Amino acid sequence: IDCRFSLDDPTYGRRAYEEGHLPG
């Protein structure tokens, strides 16, 4: 489970996930 987030940019985590995440 990818839990990336930024308090300064709440949309960051989803964007970062779409740009590249661990397989599966």
PDB file of all heavy atoms in Angstrom:
ATOM      1  N   ILE A   1       0.846  -1.198   0.000  1.00  0.00           N
ATOM      2  CA  ILE A   1       0.000   0.000   0.000  1.00  0.00           C
ATOM      3  C   ILE A   1       0.877   1.243   0.000  1.00  0.00           C
ATOM      4  O   ILE A   1       1.737   1.421   0.867  1.00  0.00           O
ATOM      5  CB  ILE A   1      -0.955   0.013   1.204  1.00  0.00           C
ATOM      6  CG1 ILE A   1      -1.853  -1.229   1.179  1.00  0.00           C
ATOM      7  CG2 ILE A   1      -1.809   1.276   1.186  1.00  0.00           C
ATOM      8  CD1 ILE A   1      -2.809  -1.327   2.351  1.00  0.00           C
ATOM      9  N   ASP A   2       0.667   2.078  -0.994  1.00  0.00           N
ATOM     10  CA  ASP A   2       1.379   3.342  -1.165  1.00  0.00           C
ATOM     11  C   ASP A   2       0.635   4.408  -0.367  1.00  0.00           C
ATOM     12  O   ASP A   2      -0.531   4.700  -0.628  1.00  0.00           O
ATOM     13  CB  ASP A   2       1.401   3.690  -2.659  1.00  0.00           C
ATOM     14  CG  ASP A   2       2.212   4.927  -2.997  1.00  0.00           C
ATOM     15  OD1 ASP A   2       2.166   5.902  -2.225  1.00  0.00           O
ATOM     16  OD2 ASP A   2       2.862   4.941  -4.057  1.00  0.00           O
ATOM     17  N   CYS A   3       1.314   5.014   0.611  1.00  0.00           N
ATOM     18  CA  CYS A   3       0.681   5.986   1.516  1.00  0.00           C
ATOM     19  C   CYS A   3       1.243   7.392   1.335  1.00  0.00           C
ATOM     20  O   CYS A   3       1.123   8.234   2.243  1.00  0.00           O
ATOM     21  CB  CYS A   3       0.885   5.548   2.968  1.00  0.00           C
ATOM     22  SG  CYS A   3       0.301   3.893   3.360  1.00  0.00           S
ATOM     23  N   ARG A   4       1.801   7.681   0.197  1.00  0.00           N
ATOM     24  CA  ARG A   4       2.425   8.994   0.016  1.00  0.00           C
ATOM     25  C   ARG A   4       1.403  10.132   0.125  1.00  0.00           C
ATOM     26  O   ARG A   4       0.268  10.009  -0.314  1.00  0.00           O
ATOM     27  CB  ARG A   4       3.149   9.060  -1.327  1.00  0.00           C
ATOM     28  CG  ARG A   4       4.469   8.312  -1.332  1.00  0.00           C
ATOM     29  CD  ARG A   4       5.129   8.354  -2.678  1.00  0.00           C
ATOM     30  NE  ARG A   4       4.476   7.454  -3.639  1.00  0.00           N
ATOM     31  CZ  ARG A   4       4.796   7.394  -4.926  1.00  0.00           C
ATOM     32  NH1 ARG A   4       5.743   8.188  -5.409  1.00  0.00           N
ATOM     33  NH2 ARG A   4       4.174   6.542  -5.722  1.00  0.00           N
ATOM     34  N   PHE A   5       1.853  11.226   0.721  1.00  0.00           N
ATOM     35  CA  PHE A   5       0.985  12.380   0.929  1.00  0.00           C
ATOM     36  C   PHE A   5       1.865  13.597   1.192  1.00  0.00           C
ATOM     37  O   PHE A   5       3.023  13.471   1.582  1.00  0.00           O
ATOM     38  CB  PHE A   5       0.052  12.143   2.129  1.00  0.00           C
ATOM     39  CG  PHE A   5      -1.021  13.186   2.281  1.00  0.00           C
ATOM     40  CD1 PHE A   5      -2.147  13.154   1.493  1.00  0.00           C
ATOM     41  CD2 PHE A   5      -0.884  14.205   3.223  1.00  0.00           C
ATOM     42  CE1 PHE A   5      -3.139  14.124   1.627  1.00  0.00           C
ATOM     43  CE2 PHE A   5      -1.866  15.178   3.364  1.00  0.00           C
ATOM     44  CZ  PHE A   5      -2.997  15.131   2.566  1.00  0.00           C
ATOM     45  N   SER A   6       1.302  14.773   0.976  1.00  0.00           N
ATOM     46  CA  SER A   6       1.978  16.020   1.323  1.00  0.00           C
ATOM     47  C   SER A   6       0.973  16.949   1.983  1.00  0.00           C
ATOM     48  O   SER A   6      -0.093  17.222   1.414  1.00  0.00           O
ATOM     49  CB  SER A   6       2.558  16.700   0.079  1.00  0.00           C
ATOM     50  OG  SER A   6       3.032  18.000   0.398  1.00  0.00           O
ATOM     51  N   LEU A   7       1.299  17.426   3.169  1.00  0.00           N
ATOM     52  CA  LEU A   7       0.412  18.364   3.855  1.00  0.00           C
ATOM     53  C   LEU A   7       0.279  19.665   3.075  1.00  0.00           C
ATOM     54  O   LEU A   7      -0.752  20.350   3.165  1.00  0.00           O
ATOM     55  CB  LEU A   7       0.943  18.655   5.262  1.00  0.00           C
ATOM     56  CG  LEU A   7       0.965  17.467   6.235  1.00  0.00           C
ATOM     57  CD1 LEU A   7       1.624  17.881   7.546  1.00  0.00           C
ATOM     58  CD2 LEU A   7      -0.445  16.941   6.489  1.00  0.00           C
ATOM     59  N   ASP A   8       1.298  20.015   2.298  1.00  0.00           N
ATOM     60  CA  ASP A   8       1.262  21.244   1.512  1.00  0.00           C
ATOM     61  C   ASP A   8       0.489  21.095   0.213  1.00  0.00           C
ATOM     62  O   ASP A   8       0.069  22.093  -0.374  1.00  0.00           O
ATOM     63  CB  ASP A   8       2.695  21.715   1.187  1.00  0.00           C
ATOM     64  CG  ASP A   8       3.487  22.053   2.430  1.00  0.00           C
ATOM     65  OD1 ASP A   8       2.873  22.532   3.404  1.00  0.00           O
ATOM     66  OD2 ASP A   8       4.711  21.831   2.433  1.00  0.00           O
ATOM     67  N   ASP A   9       0.315  19.857  -0.250  1.00  0.00           N
ATOM     68  CA  ASP A   9      -0.353  19.605  -1.528  1.00  0.00           C
ATOM     69  C   ASP A   9      -1.118  18.294  -1.421  1.00  0.00           C
ATOM     70  O   ASP A   9      -0.576  17.231  -1.728  1.00  0.00           O
ATOM     71  CB  ASP A   9       0.687  19.544  -2.655  1.00  0.00           C
ATOM     72  CG  ASP A   9       0.067  19.277  -4.015  1.00  0.00           C
ATOM     73  OD1 ASP A   9      -1.176  19.179  -4.104  1.00  0.00           O
ATOM     74  OD2 ASP A   9       0.823  19.161  -5.001  1.00  0.00           O
ATOM     75  N   PRO A  10      -2.366  18.332  -0.987  1.00  0.00           N
ATOM     76  CA  PRO A  10      -3.121  17.098  -0.760  1.00  0.00           C
ATOM     77  C   PRO A  10      -3.313  16.224  -1.995  1.00  0.00           C
ATOM     78  O   PRO A  10      -3.633  15.046  -1.863  1.00  0.00           O
ATOM     79  CB  PRO A  10      -4.471  17.611  -0.241  1.00  0.00           C
ATOM     80  CG  PRO A  10      -4.178  18.943   0.351  1.00  0.00           C
ATOM     81  CD  PRO A  10      -3.113  19.526  -0.523  1.00  0.00           C
ATOM     82  N   THR A  11      -3.104  16.769  -3.178  1.00  0.00           N
ATOM     83  CA  THR A  11      -3.241  15.953  -4.396  1.00  0.00           C
ATOM     84  C   THR A  11      -1.934  15.265  -4.780  1.00  0.00           C
ATOM     85  O   THR A  11      -1.910  14.467  -5.717  1.00  0.00           O
ATOM     86  CB  THR A  11      -3.708  16.815  -5.580  1.00  0.00           C
ATOM     87  OG1 THR A  11      -2.681  17.768  -5.918  1.00  0.00           O
ATOM     88  CG2 THR A  11      -4.992  17.564  -5.230  1.00  0.00           C
ATOM     89  N   TYR A  12      -0.867  15.573  -4.059  1.00  0.00           N
ATOM     90  CA  TYR A  12       0.451  15.039  -4.429  1.00  0.00           C
ATOM     91  C   TYR A  12       0.498  13.517  -4.431  1.00  0.00           C
ATOM     92  O   TYR A  12       1.024  12.892  -5.356  1.00  0.00           O
ATOM     93  CB  TYR A  12       1.525  15.583  -3.483  1.00  0.00           C
ATOM     94  CG  TYR A  12       2.780  14.740  -3.473  1.00  0.00           C
ATOM     95  CD1 TYR A  12       3.690  14.793  -4.526  1.00  0.00           C
ATOM     96  CD2 TYR A  12       3.034  13.841  -2.431  1.00  0.00           C
ATOM     97  CE1 TYR A  12       4.823  13.990  -4.537  1.00  0.00           C
ATOM     98  CE2 TYR A  12       4.154  13.038  -2.432  1.00  0.00           C
ATOM     99  CZ  TYR A  12       5.048  13.120  -3.483  1.00  0.00           C
ATOM    100  OH  TYR A  12       6.156  12.308  -3.502  1.00  0.00           O
ATOM    101  N   GLY A  13      -0.025  12.895  -3.395  1.00  0.00           N
ATOM    102  CA  GLY A  13       0.105  11.448  -3.262  1.00  0.00           C
ATOM    103  C   GLY A  13      -0.493  10.703  -4.429  1.00  0.00           C
ATOM    104  O   GLY A  13       0.135   9.798  -4.996  1.00  0.00           O
ATOM    105  N   ARG A  14      -1.721  11.047  -4.807  1.00  0.00           N
ATOM    106  CA  ARG A  14      -2.364  10.393  -5.941  1.00  0.00           C
ATOM    107  C   ARG A  14      -1.581  10.631  -7.222  1.00  0.00           C
ATOM    108  O   ARG A  14      -1.386   9.704  -8.016  1.00  0.00           O
ATOM    109  CB  ARG A  14      -3.798  10.901  -6.079  1.00  0.00           C
ATOM    110  CG  ARG A  14      -4.512  10.450  -7.346  1.00  0.00           C
ATOM    111  CD  ARG A  14      -4.713   8.952  -7.411  1.00  0.00           C
ATOM    112  NE  ARG A  14      -5.713   8.492  -6.451  1.00  0.00           N
ATOM    113  CZ  ARG A  14      -6.089   7.210  -6.375  1.00  0.00           C
ATOM    114  NH1 ARG A  14      -5.542   6.298  -7.173  1.00  0.00           N
ATOM    115  NH2 ARG A  14      -6.995   6.849  -5.485  1.00  0.00           N
ATOM    116  N   ARG A  15      -1.120  11.872  -7.450  1.00  0.00           N
ATOM    117  CA  ARG A  15      -0.333  12.165  -8.653  1.00  0.00           C
ATOM    118  C   ARG A  15       0.940  11.339  -8.677  1.00  0.00           C
ATOM    119  O   ARG A  15       1.300  10.756  -9.706  1.00  0.00           O
ATOM    120  CB  ARG A  15       0.038  13.655  -8.709  1.00  0.00           C
ATOM    121  CG  ARG A  15      -1.061  14.586  -9.074  1.00  0.00           C
ATOM    122  CD  ARG A  15      -0.509  15.917  -9.604  1.00  0.00           C
ATOM    123  NE  ARG A  15       0.661  16.391  -8.889  1.00  0.00           N
ATOM    124  CZ  ARG A  15       0.617  17.124  -7.785  1.00  0.00           C
ATOM    125  NH1 ARG A  15      -0.552  17.448  -7.253  1.00  0.00           N
ATOM    126  NH2 ARG A  15       1.738  17.549  -7.222  1.00  0.00           N
ATOM    127  N   ALA A  16       1.628  11.292  -7.549  1.00  0.00           N
ATOM    128  CA  ALA A  16       2.883  10.544  -7.481  1.00  0.00           C
ATOM    129  C   ALA A  16       2.636   9.065  -7.749  1.00  0.00           C
ATOM    130  O   ALA A  16       3.427   8.406  -8.436  1.00  0.00           O
ATOM    131  CB  ALA A  16       3.537  10.744  -6.114  1.00  0.00           C
ATOM    132  N   TYR A  17       1.544   8.540  -7.201  1.00  0.00           N
ATOM    133  CA  TYR A  17       1.201   7.131  -7.433  1.00  0.00           C
ATOM    134  C   TYR A  17       0.973   6.874  -8.920  1.00  0.00           C
ATOM    135  O   TYR A  17       1.466   5.880  -9.470  1.00  0.00           O
ATOM    136  CB  TYR A  17      -0.047   6.778  -6.633  1.00  0.00           C
ATOM    137  CG  TYR A  17      -0.578   5.383  -6.896  1.00  0.00           C
ATOM    138  CD1 TYR A  17      -0.032   4.272  -6.256  1.00  0.00           C
ATOM    139  CD2 TYR A  17      -1.634   5.173  -7.784  1.00  0.00           C
ATOM    140  CE1 TYR A  17      -0.513   2.996  -6.501  1.00  0.00           C
ATOM    141  CE2 TYR A  17      -2.126   3.903  -8.032  1.00  0.00           C
ATOM    142  CZ  TYR A  17      -1.569   2.820  -7.384  1.00  0.00           C
ATOM    143  OH  TYR A  17      -2.041   1.556  -7.635  1.00  0.00           O
ATOM    144  N   GLU A  18       0.235   7.755  -9.577  1.00  0.00           N
ATOM    145  CA  GLU A  18      -0.041   7.568 -10.998  1.00  0.00           C
ATOM    146  C   GLU A  18       1.232   7.669 -11.840  1.00  0.00           C
ATOM    147  O   GLU A  18       1.355   7.020 -12.882  1.00  0.00           O
ATOM    148  CB  GLU A  18      -1.062   8.607 -11.474  1.00  0.00           C
ATOM    149  CG  GLU A  18      -2.418   8.539 -10.779  1.00  0.00           C
ATOM    150  CD  GLU A  18      -3.214   7.287 -11.133  1.00  0.00           C
ATOM    151  OE1 GLU A  18      -2.779   6.526 -12.014  1.00  0.00           O
ATOM    152  OE2 GLU A  18      -4.275   7.074 -10.519  1.00  0.00           O
ATOM    153  N   GLU A  19       2.196   8.461 -11.377  1.00  0.00           N
ATOM    154  CA  GLU A  19       3.448   8.623 -12.118  1.00  0.00           C
ATOM    155  C   GLU A  19       4.399   7.454 -11.935  1.00  0.00           C
ATOM    156  O   GLU A  19       5.314   7.259 -12.739  1.00  0.00           O
ATOM    157  CB  GLU A  19       4.136   9.924 -11.694  1.00  0.00           C
ATOM    158  CG  GLU A  19       3.384  11.177 -12.134  1.00  0.00           C
ATOM    159  CD  GLU A  19       3.900  12.432 -11.467  1.00  0.00           C
ATOM    160  OE1 GLU A  19       4.883  12.318 -10.674  1.00  0.00           O
ATOM    161  OE2 GLU A  19       3.339  13.512 -11.701  1.00  0.00           O
ATOM    162  N   GLY A  20       4.211   6.666 -10.895  1.00  0.00           N
ATOM    163  CA  GLY A  20       5.068   5.505 -10.677  1.00  0.00           C
ATOM    164  C   GLY A  20       5.006   5.018  -9.249  1.00  0.00           C
ATOM    165  O   GLY A  20       5.185   5.805  -8.319  1.00  0.00           O
ATOM    166  N   HIS A  21       4.733   3.720  -9.084  1.00  0.00           N
ATOM    167  CA  HIS A  21       4.622   3.129  -7.757  1.00  0.00           C
ATOM    168  C   HIS A  21       5.202   1.727  -7.780  1.00  0.00           C
ATOM    169  O   HIS A  21       5.543   1.190  -8.847  1.00  0.00           O
ATOM    170  CB  HIS A  21       3.162   3.085  -7.302  1.00  0.00           C
ATOM    171  CG  HIS A  21       2.241   2.453  -8.307  1.00  0.00           C
ATOM    172  ND1 HIS A  21       1.522   3.187  -9.228  1.00  0.00           N
ATOM    173  CD2 HIS A  21       1.945   1.163  -8.569  1.00  0.00           C
ATOM    174  CE1 HIS A  21       0.822   2.378  -9.993  1.00  0.00           C
ATOM    175  NE2 HIS A  21       1.064   1.143  -9.621  1.00  0.00           N
ATOM    176  N   LEU A  22       5.322   1.118  -6.605  1.00  0.00           N
ATOM    177  CA  LEU A  22       5.834  -0.243  -6.538  1.00  0.00           C
ATOM    178  C   LEU A  22       4.872  -1.179  -7.259  1.00  0.00           C
ATOM    179  O   LEU A  22       3.653  -0.995  -7.201  1.00  0.00           O
ATOM    180  CB  LEU A  22       5.987  -0.689  -5.082  1.00  0.00           C
ATOM    181  CG  LEU A  22       7.336  -0.409  -4.413  1.00  0.00           C
ATOM    182  CD1 LEU A  22       7.597   1.080  -4.308  1.00  0.00           C
ATOM    183  CD2 LEU A  22       7.399  -1.067  -3.044  1.00  0.00           C
ATOM    184  N   PRO A  23       5.400  -2.174  -7.947  1.00  0.00           N
ATOM    185  CA  PRO A  23       4.526  -3.123  -8.644  1.00  0.00           C
ATOM    186  C   PRO A  23       3.495  -3.743  -7.699  1.00  0.00           C
ATOM    187  O   PRO A  23       3.840  -4.234  -6.626  1.00  0.00           O
ATOM    188  CB  PRO A  23       5.506  -4.171  -9.169  1.00  0.00           C
ATOM    189  CG  PRO A  23       6.795  -3.432  -9.333  1.00  0.00           C
ATOM    190  CD  PRO A  23       6.827  -2.462  -8.190  1.00  0.00           C
ATOM    191  N   GLY A  24       2.239  -3.697  -8.102  1.00  0.00           N
ATOM    192  CA  GLY A  24       1.163  -4.290  -7.319  1.00  0.00           C
ATOM    193  C   GLY A  24       0.609  -3.427  -6.216  1.00  0.00           C
ATOM    194  O   GLY A  24      -0.334  -3.829  -5.528  1.00  0.00           O
TER     195      GLY A  24
END
